[in-house]
Amino acid sequence: MKIDINSDLGEGFGRWKMGDDEGLMKLVSSANIACGFHGGDAVIMTRMVELAKQRNVAIGAHCGLPDLMGFGRVAMKIDPRDMQKHALYQLGALYAIAKVADYKVTHAGTHGVMGNMAAENHEYIELILDAFKKFDKDLIYAAAPSAHGFKYARKIGLRTVGKVFADRAYDDEGRLVNRKLPGAVITDLDAVKRNMTQFLHDGTVTSQSGKTVKVDAKTVLIHSDTPGAVEIATAVRDAVIAGGGQVVPFTELVN
């Protein structure tokens, strides 16, 4: 069994630091790098690319809303075609930095409330994925297999990998519980270990109400701003290895 461990990194800004990027980079096999809109800047992005290259960690553009104040987690009224350009701008910025560092951007996706906006209006994610495909037909898009974006990415020929969250609770339909609700973010290590052991054993997670939900995923995501993120990533990695699995970048998990 091969599993990718994935995290959103480089989400600080200037002197302001978010999460333990260096600690997580030692544990993950792929990284989603903030590209300056919800977090990150040119210097941080460059450092993340350099660290990833040193450790052979796959890198991708983590495109967010133009919302530094709200960390990309506040809904905004943006024309879908304008949002497409914002996403492409971010992907291009990371691509330029990676090219100078002689490293490759392998994947791209969206951050934060952008997913909620896309669930309500599919035009958001469809236009963004169209731009990703036009930019590089070999890009990988990681998302929940039940999401419209995942299905649309497959429809237009983008490579995909299913994603499960180690630090988030699920509802009975396999969707993430809203962050505003109690228990939506999981920080208890014992709970993480139970959830990941269950997922690795039979490809399911248990919803908040106790229902068993099937998740067809090969990449496990840990948010770098979740309290105890390094410990959570360590627990996930240990669970994979204890189960006889191998941690690899998801570039090795898709055709």
C-alpha atoms as a PDB file:
ATOM      1  CA  MET A   1       0.000   0.000   0.000  1.00  0.00           C
ATOM      2  CA  LYS A   2       1.311   3.417  -0.998  1.00  0.00           C
ATOM      3  CA  ILE A   3      -0.052   6.576   0.622  1.00  0.00           C
ATOM      4  CA  ASP A   4       0.810  10.239   0.150  1.00  0.00           C
ATOM      5  CA  ILE A   5       0.960  12.512   3.190  1.00  0.00           C
ATOM      6  CA  ASN A   6       0.083  16.046   2.208  1.00  0.00           C
ATOM      7  CA  SER A   7       0.026  19.438   3.951  1.00  0.00           C
ATOM      8  CA  ASP A   8      -0.686  23.099   3.191  1.00  0.00           C
ATOM      9  CA  LEU A   9       2.592  24.912   3.789  1.00  0.00           C
ATOM     10  CA  GLY A  10       4.102  28.380   3.494  1.00  0.00           C
ATOM     11  CA  GLU A  11       1.003  30.117   4.816  1.00  0.00           C
ATOM     12  CA  GLY A  12       2.807  32.815   6.773  1.00  0.00           C
ATOM     13  CA  PHE A  13       3.350  36.344   5.484  1.00  0.00           C
ATOM     14  CA  GLY A  14       6.414  38.542   5.917  1.00  0.00           C
ATOM     15  CA  ARG A  15       7.524  38.210   9.544  1.00  0.00           C
ATOM     16  CA  TRP A  16       4.281  36.484  10.494  1.00  0.00           C
ATOM     17  CA  LYS A  17       4.620  32.687  10.714  1.00  0.00           C
ATOM     18  CA  MET A  18       1.852  30.128  10.358  1.00  0.00           C
ATOM     19  CA  GLY A  19       2.582  26.559  11.378  1.00  0.00           C
ATOM     20  CA  ASP A  20       5.833  24.592  11.535  1.00  0.00           C
ATOM     21  CA  ASP A  21       6.707  24.419   7.844  1.00  0.00           C
ATOM     22  CA  GLU A  22      10.152  22.951   8.416  1.00  0.00           C
ATOM     23  CA  GLY A  23       8.880  20.270  10.792  1.00  0.00           C
ATOM     24  CA  LEU A  24       6.065  19.238   8.486  1.00  0.00           C
ATOM     25  CA  MET A  25       8.296  19.203   5.412  1.00  0.00           C
ATOM     26  CA  LYS A  26      10.276  16.393   7.073  1.00  0.00           C
ATOM     27  CA  LEU A  27       7.128  14.276   7.366  1.00  0.00           C
ATOM     28  CA  VAL A  28       5.065  14.911   4.233  1.00  0.00           C
ATOM     29  CA  SER A  29       5.561  13.591   0.711  1.00  0.00           C
ATOM     30  CA  SER A  30       3.684  16.397  -1.045  1.00  0.00           C
ATOM     31  CA  ALA A  31       3.125  20.058  -0.157  1.00  0.00           C
ATOM     32  CA  ASN A  32       0.541  22.619  -1.226  1.00  0.00           C
ATOM     33  CA  ILE A  33       2.305  25.975  -1.180  1.00  0.00           C
ATOM     34  CA  ALA A  34       0.376  29.181  -0.476  1.00  0.00           C
ATOM     35  CA  CYS A  35       0.877  31.612  -3.343  1.00  0.00           C
ATOM     36  CA  GLY A  36       0.433  35.024  -1.760  1.00  0.00           C
ATOM     37  CA  PHE A  37      -3.340  35.525  -1.705  1.00  0.00           C
ATOM     38  CA  HIS A  38      -4.581  33.871   1.514  1.00  0.00           C
ATOM     39  CA  GLY A  39      -1.033  33.539   2.837  1.00  0.00           C
ATOM     40  CA  GLY A  40       2.542  33.281   1.646  1.00  0.00           C
ATOM     41  CA  ASP A  41       4.781  35.656  -0.237  1.00  0.00           C
ATOM     42  CA  ALA A  42       7.665  35.441  -2.714  1.00  0.00           C
ATOM     43  CA  VAL A  43      10.321  34.838  -0.056  1.00  0.00           C
ATOM     44  CA  ILE A  44       8.301  32.186   1.779  1.00  0.00           C
ATOM     45  CA  MET A  45       7.341  30.480  -1.472  1.00  0.00           C
ATOM     46  CA  THR A  46      10.996  30.308  -2.506  1.00  0.00           C
ATOM     47  CA  ARG A  47      12.002  28.825   0.837  1.00  0.00           C
ATOM     48  CA  MET A  48       9.252  26.206   0.591  1.00  0.00           C
ATOM     49  CA  VAL A  49      10.340  25.199  -2.914  1.00  0.00           C
ATOM     50  CA  GLU A  50      13.955  24.896  -1.801  1.00  0.00           C
ATOM     51  CA  LEU A  51      13.030  22.801   1.248  1.00  0.00           C
ATOM     52  CA  ALA A  52      10.773  20.560  -0.824  1.00  0.00           C
ATOM     53  CA  LYS A  53      13.499  20.013  -3.401  1.00  0.00           C
ATOM     54  CA  GLN A  54      15.971  19.033  -0.665  1.00  0.00           C
ATOM     55  CA  ARG A  55      13.575  16.377   0.619  1.00  0.00           C
ATOM     56  CA  ASN A  56      12.100  15.277  -2.725  1.00  0.00           C
ATOM     57  CA  VAL A  57       8.629  16.478  -1.686  1.00  0.00           C
ATOM     58  CA  ALA A  58       6.187  17.107  -4.549  1.00  0.00           C
ATOM     59  CA  ILE A  59       4.949  20.698  -4.702  1.00  0.00           C
ATOM     60  CA  GLY A  60       1.693  22.262  -5.838  1.00  0.00           C
ATOM     61  CA  ALA A  61       0.012  25.660  -5.980  1.00  0.00           C
ATOM     62  CA  HIS A  62      -2.447  26.232  -3.127  1.00  0.00           C
ATOM     63  CA  CYS A  63      -4.652  28.917  -4.685  1.00  0.00           C
ATOM     64  CA  GLY A  64      -6.853  30.960  -2.388  1.00  0.00           C
ATOM     65  CA  LEU A  65      -9.123  33.966  -2.318  1.00  0.00           C
ATOM     66  CA  PRO A  66      -7.460  37.415  -2.256  1.00  0.00           C
ATOM     67  CA  ASP A  67      -8.058  37.501   1.494  1.00  0.00           C
ATOM     68  CA  LEU A  68      -4.969  37.888   3.718  1.00  0.00           C
ATOM     69  CA  MET A  69      -7.096  39.314   6.531  1.00  0.00           C
ATOM     70  CA  GLY A  70      -9.417  36.329   6.610  1.00  0.00           C
ATOM     71  CA  PHE A  71      -6.830  33.678   5.637  1.00  0.00           C
ATOM     72  CA  GLY A  72      -8.955  32.702   2.651  1.00  0.00           C
ATOM     73  CA  ARG A  73     -11.738  31.456   4.886  1.00  0.00           C
ATOM     74  CA  VAL A  74     -14.180  34.327   4.409  1.00  0.00           C
ATOM     75  CA  ALA A  75     -16.594  34.044   1.477  1.00  0.00           C
ATOM     76  CA  MET A  76     -16.235  36.813  -1.091  1.00  0.00           C
ATOM     77  CA  LYS A  77     -18.447  37.959  -3.923  1.00  0.00           C
ATOM     78  CA  ILE A  78     -16.166  37.441  -6.938  1.00  0.00           C
ATOM     79  CA  ASP A  79     -17.112  36.857 -10.545  1.00  0.00           C
ATOM     80  CA  PRO A  80     -16.132  33.236 -11.375  1.00  0.00           C
ATOM     81  CA  ARG A  81     -14.125  34.383 -14.405  1.00  0.00           C
ATOM     82  CA  ASP A  82     -12.210  36.829 -12.247  1.00  0.00           C
ATOM     83  CA  MET A  83     -11.499  34.080  -9.730  1.00  0.00           C
ATOM     84  CA  GLN A  84     -10.145  31.940 -12.552  1.00  0.00           C
ATOM     85  CA  LYS A  85      -7.585  34.659 -13.295  1.00  0.00           C
ATOM     86  CA  HIS A  86      -6.653  34.941  -9.609  1.00  0.00           C
ATOM     87  CA  ALA A  87      -6.005  31.181  -9.470  1.00  0.00           C
ATOM     88  CA  LEU A  88      -3.965  31.202 -12.669  1.00  0.00           C
ATOM     89  CA  TYR A  89      -1.910  34.140 -11.350  1.00  0.00           C
ATOM     90  CA  GLN A  90      -1.004  32.145  -8.246  1.00  0.00           C
ATOM     91  CA  LEU A  91      -0.118  29.011 -10.184  1.00  0.00           C
ATOM     92  CA  GLY A  92       2.077  31.053 -12.502  1.00  0.00           C
ATOM     93  CA  ALA A  93       3.898  32.682  -9.581  1.00  0.00           C
ATOM     94  CA  LEU A  94       4.810  29.335  -8.031  1.00  0.00           C
ATOM     95  CA  TYR A  95       5.757  27.937 -11.433  1.00  0.00           C
ATOM     96  CA  ALA A  96       8.220  30.803 -11.991  1.00  0.00           C
ATOM     97  CA  ILE A  97       9.860  30.345  -8.587  1.00  0.00           C
ATOM     98  CA  ALA A  98      10.069  26.568  -9.055  1.00  0.00           C
ATOM     99  CA  LYS A  99      11.516  26.916 -12.558  1.00  0.00           C
ATOM    100  CA  VAL A 100      14.360  29.118 -11.326  1.00  0.00           C
ATOM    101  CA  ALA A 101      14.999  26.551  -8.562  1.00  0.00           C
ATOM    102  CA  ASP A 102      15.046  23.789 -11.212  1.00  0.00           C
ATOM    103  CA  TYR A 103      12.065  22.031  -9.624  1.00  0.00           C
ATOM    104  CA  LYS A 104       8.647  21.076 -10.964  1.00  0.00           C
ATOM    105  CA  VAL A 105       5.131  22.055  -9.911  1.00  0.00           C
ATOM    106  CA  THR A 106       3.184  18.798 -10.009  1.00  0.00           C
ATOM    107  CA  HIS A 107      -0.260  19.735  -8.731  1.00  0.00           C
ATOM    108  CA  ALA A 108      -2.651  22.576  -8.010  1.00  0.00           C
ATOM    109  CA  GLY A 109      -5.795  23.096  -5.990  1.00  0.00           C
ATOM    110  CA  THR A 110      -7.909  25.540  -4.025  1.00  0.00           C
ATOM    111  CA  HIS A 111      -7.827  26.652  -0.412  1.00  0.00           C
ATOM    112  CA  GLY A 112     -10.359  27.332   2.295  1.00  0.00           C
ATOM    113  CA  VAL A 113     -13.838  28.669   1.651  1.00  0.00           C
ATOM    114  CA  MET A 114     -13.204  28.506  -2.089  1.00  0.00           C
ATOM    115  CA  GLY A 115     -14.349  24.900  -1.807  1.00  0.00           C
ATOM    116  CA  ASN A 116     -17.626  25.972  -0.226  1.00  0.00           C
ATOM    117  CA  MET A 117     -18.153  28.618  -2.905  1.00  0.00           C
ATOM    118  CA  ALA A 118     -17.490  26.010  -5.589  1.00  0.00           C
ATOM    119  CA  ALA A 119     -19.999  23.632  -4.007  1.00  0.00           C
ATOM    120  CA  GLU A 120     -22.676  26.313  -4.291  1.00  0.00           C
ATOM    121  CA  ASN A 121     -21.633  27.493  -7.763  1.00  0.00           C
ATOM    122  CA  HIS A 122     -19.825  24.877  -9.852  1.00  0.00           C
ATOM    123  CA  GLU A 123     -18.697  27.497 -12.331  1.00  0.00           C
ATOM    124  CA  TYR A 124     -15.968  28.555  -9.888  1.00  0.00           C
ATOM    125  CA  ILE A 125     -14.157  25.238  -9.833  1.00  0.00           C
ATOM    126  CA  GLU A 126     -14.858  24.388 -13.463  1.00  0.00           C
ATOM    127  CA  LEU A 127     -13.254  27.588 -14.731  1.00  0.00           C
ATOM    128  CA  ILE A 128     -10.288  27.169 -12.399  1.00  0.00           C
ATOM    129  CA  LEU A 129      -9.721  23.583 -13.492  1.00  0.00           C
ATOM    130  CA  ASP A 130     -10.050  24.612 -17.147  1.00  0.00           C
ATOM    131  CA  ALA A 131      -7.209  27.091 -16.559  1.00  0.00           C
ATOM    132  CA  PHE A 132      -5.104  24.467 -14.772  1.00  0.00           C
ATOM    133  CA  LYS A 133      -5.571  22.065 -17.696  1.00  0.00           C
ATOM    134  CA  LYS A 134      -4.683  24.747 -20.248  1.00  0.00           C
ATOM    135  CA  PHE A 135      -1.584  25.687 -18.251  1.00  0.00           C
ATOM    136  CA  ASP A 136      -0.306  22.120 -17.845  1.00  0.00           C
ATOM    137  CA  LYS A 137      -2.289  19.059 -18.911  1.00  0.00           C
ATOM    138  CA  ASP A 138      -0.171  16.883 -16.589  1.00  0.00           C
ATOM    139  CA  LEU A 139      -1.105  18.695 -13.377  1.00  0.00           C
ATOM    140  CA  ILE A 140      -2.663  16.576 -10.636  1.00  0.00           C
ATOM    141  CA  TYR A 141      -5.797  17.704  -8.803  1.00  0.00           C
ATOM    142  CA  ALA A 142      -6.418  16.255  -5.332  1.00  0.00           C
ATOM    143  CA  ALA A 143      -9.877  16.467  -3.775  1.00  0.00           C
ATOM    144  CA  ALA A 144     -12.609  14.475  -2.099  1.00  0.00           C
ATOM    145  CA  PRO A 145     -13.832  11.935  -4.694  1.00  0.00           C
ATOM    146  CA  SER A 146     -17.445  12.971  -4.036  1.00  0.00           C
ATOM    147  CA  ALA A 147     -16.735  16.636  -4.884  1.00  0.00           C
ATOM    148  CA  HIS A 148     -17.931  18.114  -8.153  1.00  0.00           C
ATOM    149  CA  GLY A 149     -14.437  19.430  -8.849  1.00  0.00           C
ATOM    150  CA  PHE A 150     -12.953  15.943  -8.640  1.00  0.00           C
ATOM    151  CA  LYS A 151     -15.498  14.605 -11.112  1.00  0.00           C
ATOM    152  CA  TYR A 152     -15.069  17.584 -13.446  1.00  0.00           C
ATOM    153  CA  ALA A 153     -11.274  17.259 -13.371  1.00  0.00           C
ATOM    154  CA  ARG A 154     -11.619  13.673 -14.547  1.00  0.00           C
ATOM    155  CA  LYS A 155     -14.090  14.722 -17.205  1.00  0.00           C
ATOM    156  CA  ILE A 156     -11.661  17.187 -18.770  1.00  0.00           C
ATOM    157  CA  GLY A 157      -8.710  14.817 -18.513  1.00  0.00           C
ATOM    158  CA  LEU A 158      -6.768  16.156 -15.540  1.00  0.00           C
ATOM    159  CA  ARG A 159      -5.053  13.546 -13.413  1.00  0.00           C
ATOM    160  CA  THR A 160      -6.718  13.141 -10.014  1.00  0.00           C
ATOM    161  CA  VAL A 161      -6.098  11.628  -6.613  1.00  0.00           C
ATOM    162  CA  GLY A 162      -8.683  11.201  -3.862  1.00  0.00           C
ATOM    163  CA  LYS A 163      -8.057  13.065  -0.619  1.00  0.00           C
ATOM    164  CA  VAL A 164      -8.980  12.316   2.986  1.00  0.00           C
ATOM    165  CA  PHE A 165      -8.459  14.739   5.899  1.00  0.00           C
ATOM    166  CA  ALA A 166      -6.682  13.566   9.043  1.00  0.00           C
ATOM    167  CA  ASP A 167      -7.674  16.580  11.133  1.00  0.00           C
ATOM    168  CA  ARG A 168     -11.254  17.223  10.064  1.00  0.00           C
ATOM    169  CA  ALA A 169     -14.596  15.638  10.945  1.00  0.00           C
ATOM    170  CA  TYR A 170     -16.990  14.288   8.315  1.00  0.00           C
ATOM    171  CA  ASP A 171     -20.771  14.324   8.055  1.00  0.00           C
ATOM    172  CA  ASP A 172     -22.913  11.366   6.951  1.00  0.00           C
ATOM    173  CA  GLU A 173     -22.551  12.317   3.269  1.00  0.00           C
ATOM    174  CA  GLY A 174     -18.753  12.276   3.409  1.00  0.00           C
ATOM    175  CA  ARG A 175     -18.459  16.064   3.428  1.00  0.00           C
ATOM    176  CA  LEU A 176     -16.310  18.068   5.823  1.00  0.00           C
ATOM    177  CA  VAL A 177     -18.134  19.440   8.845  1.00  0.00           C
ATOM    178  CA  ASN A 178     -18.212  23.249   8.778  1.00  0.00           C
ATOM    179  CA  ARG A 179     -15.287  24.712  10.739  1.00  0.00           C
ATOM    180  CA  LYS A 180     -17.702  26.865  12.733  1.00  0.00           C
ATOM    181  CA  LEU A 181     -19.319  23.782  14.301  1.00  0.00           C
ATOM    182  CA  PRO A 182     -18.035  21.998  17.431  1.00  0.00           C
ATOM    183  CA  GLY A 183     -15.645  19.125  16.751  1.00  0.00           C
ATOM    184  CA  ALA A 184     -15.053  20.075  13.102  1.00  0.00           C
ATOM    185  CA  VAL A 185     -11.290  20.258  13.627  1.00  0.00           C
ATOM    186  CA  ILE A 186      -9.735  17.160  15.202  1.00  0.00           C
ATOM    187  CA  THR A 187      -6.689  17.779  17.398  1.00  0.00           C
ATOM    188  CA  ASP A 188      -6.855  14.724  19.667  1.00  0.00           C
ATOM    189  CA  LEU A 189      -4.017  12.376  18.657  1.00  0.00           C
ATOM    190  CA  ASP A 190      -5.848   9.249  19.792  1.00  0.00           C
ATOM    191  CA  ALA A 191      -8.794  10.199  17.573  1.00  0.00           C
ATOM    192  CA  VAL A 192      -6.464  10.831  14.635  1.00  0.00           C
ATOM    193  CA  LYS A 193      -4.792   7.448  15.123  1.00  0.00           C
ATOM    194  CA  ARG A 194      -8.147   5.653  15.287  1.00  0.00           C
ATOM    195  CA  ASN A 195      -9.436   7.430  12.205  1.00  0.00           C
ATOM    196  CA  MET A 196      -6.301   6.815  10.166  1.00  0.00           C
ATOM    197  CA  THR A 197      -6.034   3.182  11.212  1.00  0.00           C
ATOM    198  CA  GLN A 198      -9.646   2.700  10.125  1.00  0.00           C
ATOM    199  CA  PHE A 199      -9.065   4.470   6.818  1.00  0.00           C
ATOM    200  CA  LEU A 200      -5.899   2.512   6.057  1.00  0.00           C
ATOM    201  CA  HIS A 201      -7.584  -0.764   6.988  1.00  0.00           C
ATOM    202  CA  ASP A 202     -10.788  -0.526   4.960  1.00  0.00           C
ATOM    203  CA  GLY A 203     -10.932   2.868   3.240  1.00  0.00           C
ATOM    204  CA  THR A 204     -13.629   4.319   5.484  1.00  0.00           C
ATOM    205  CA  VAL A 205     -14.045   7.069   8.063  1.00  0.00           C
ATOM    206  CA  THR A 206     -16.631   7.415  10.808  1.00  0.00           C
ATOM    207  CA  SER A 207     -18.847  10.493  10.599  1.00  0.00           C
ATOM    208  CA  GLN A 208     -19.654  12.681  13.601  1.00  0.00           C
ATOM    209  CA  SER A 209     -22.940  10.824  14.032  1.00  0.00           C
ATOM    210  CA  GLY A 210     -21.217   7.420  13.955  1.00  0.00           C
ATOM    211  CA  LYS A 211     -21.970   6.391  10.371  1.00  0.00           C
ATOM    212  CA  THR A 212     -19.300   4.531   8.386  1.00  0.00           C
ATOM    213  CA  VAL A 213     -18.501   6.463   5.211  1.00  0.00           C
ATOM    214  CA  LYS A 214     -16.456   5.123   2.286  1.00  0.00           C
ATOM    215  CA  VAL A 215     -13.584   7.377   1.137  1.00  0.00           C
ATOM    216  CA  ASP A 216     -11.691   6.424  -2.027  1.00  0.00           C
ATOM    217  CA  ALA A 217      -8.469   8.291  -1.286  1.00  0.00           C
ATOM    218  CA  LYS A 218      -4.717   7.888  -1.593  1.00  0.00           C
ATOM    219  CA  THR A 219      -3.548  11.153  -0.060  1.00  0.00           C
ATOM    220  CA  VAL A 220      -3.995  12.184   3.578  1.00  0.00           C
ATOM    221  CA  LEU A 221      -4.034  15.920   4.302  1.00  0.00           C
ATOM    222  CA  ILE A 222      -3.026  17.677   7.516  1.00  0.00           C
ATOM    223  CA  HIS A 223      -3.610  21.432   7.825  1.00  0.00           C
ATOM    224  CA  SER A 224      -0.441  23.183   8.999  1.00  0.00           C
ATOM    225  CA  ASP A 225      -2.471  25.620  11.137  1.00  0.00           C
ATOM    226  CA  THR A 226      -4.203  22.849  13.103  1.00  0.00           C
ATOM    227  CA  PRO A 227      -2.831  22.788  16.683  1.00  0.00           C
ATOM    228  CA  GLY A 228      -0.349  19.931  16.968  1.00  0.00           C
ATOM    229  CA  ALA A 229      -0.021  19.539  13.182  1.00  0.00           C
ATOM    230  CA  VAL A 230       3.484  18.031  13.389  1.00  0.00           C
ATOM    231  CA  GLU A 231       2.325  15.480  15.947  1.00  0.00           C
ATOM    232  CA  ILE A 232      -0.709  14.675  13.781  1.00  0.00           C
ATOM    233  CA  ALA A 233       1.485  14.204  10.703  1.00  0.00           C
ATOM    234  CA  THR A 234       3.817  11.974  12.725  1.00  0.00           C
ATOM    235  CA  ALA A 235       0.859   9.872  13.874  1.00  0.00           C
ATOM    236  CA  VAL A 236      -0.380   9.506  10.296  1.00  0.00           C
ATOM    237  CA  ARG A 237       3.066   8.524   9.037  1.00  0.00           C
ATOM    238  CA  ASP A 238       3.491   6.021  11.875  1.00  0.00           C
ATOM    239  CA  ALA A 239       0.074   4.514  11.099  1.00  0.00           C
ATOM    240  CA  VAL A 240       0.969   4.028   7.431  1.00  0.00           C
ATOM    241  CA  ILE A 241       4.291   2.377   8.247  1.00  0.00           C
ATOM    242  CA  ALA A 242       2.791   0.255  11.062  1.00  0.00           C
ATOM    243  CA  GLY A 243       0.249  -1.037   8.565  1.00  0.00           C
ATOM    244  CA  GLY A 244       2.998  -2.143   6.201  1.00  0.00           C
ATOM    245  CA  GLY A 245       2.517   0.807   3.877  1.00  0.00           C
ATOM    246  CA  GLN A 246       4.915   3.173   2.141  1.00  0.00           C
ATOM    247  CA  VAL A 247       4.777   6.983   2.134  1.00  0.00           C
ATOM    248  CA  VAL A 248       5.291   8.335  -1.389  1.00  0.00           C
ATOM    249  CA  PRO A 249       4.478  11.551  -3.292  1.00  0.00           C
ATOM    250  CA  PHE A 250       1.156  11.264  -5.119  1.00  0.00           C
ATOM    251  CA  THR A 251       3.031  11.685  -8.376  1.00  0.00           C
ATOM    252  CA  GLU A 252       3.670   7.954  -7.886  1.00  0.00           C
ATOM    253  CA  LEU A 253      -0.007   7.209  -7.282  1.00  0.00           C
ATOM    254  CA  VAL A 254      -1.540   8.432 -10.542  1.00  0.00           C
ATOM    255  CA  ASN A 255      -1.022   7.500 -14.180  1.00  0.00           C
END
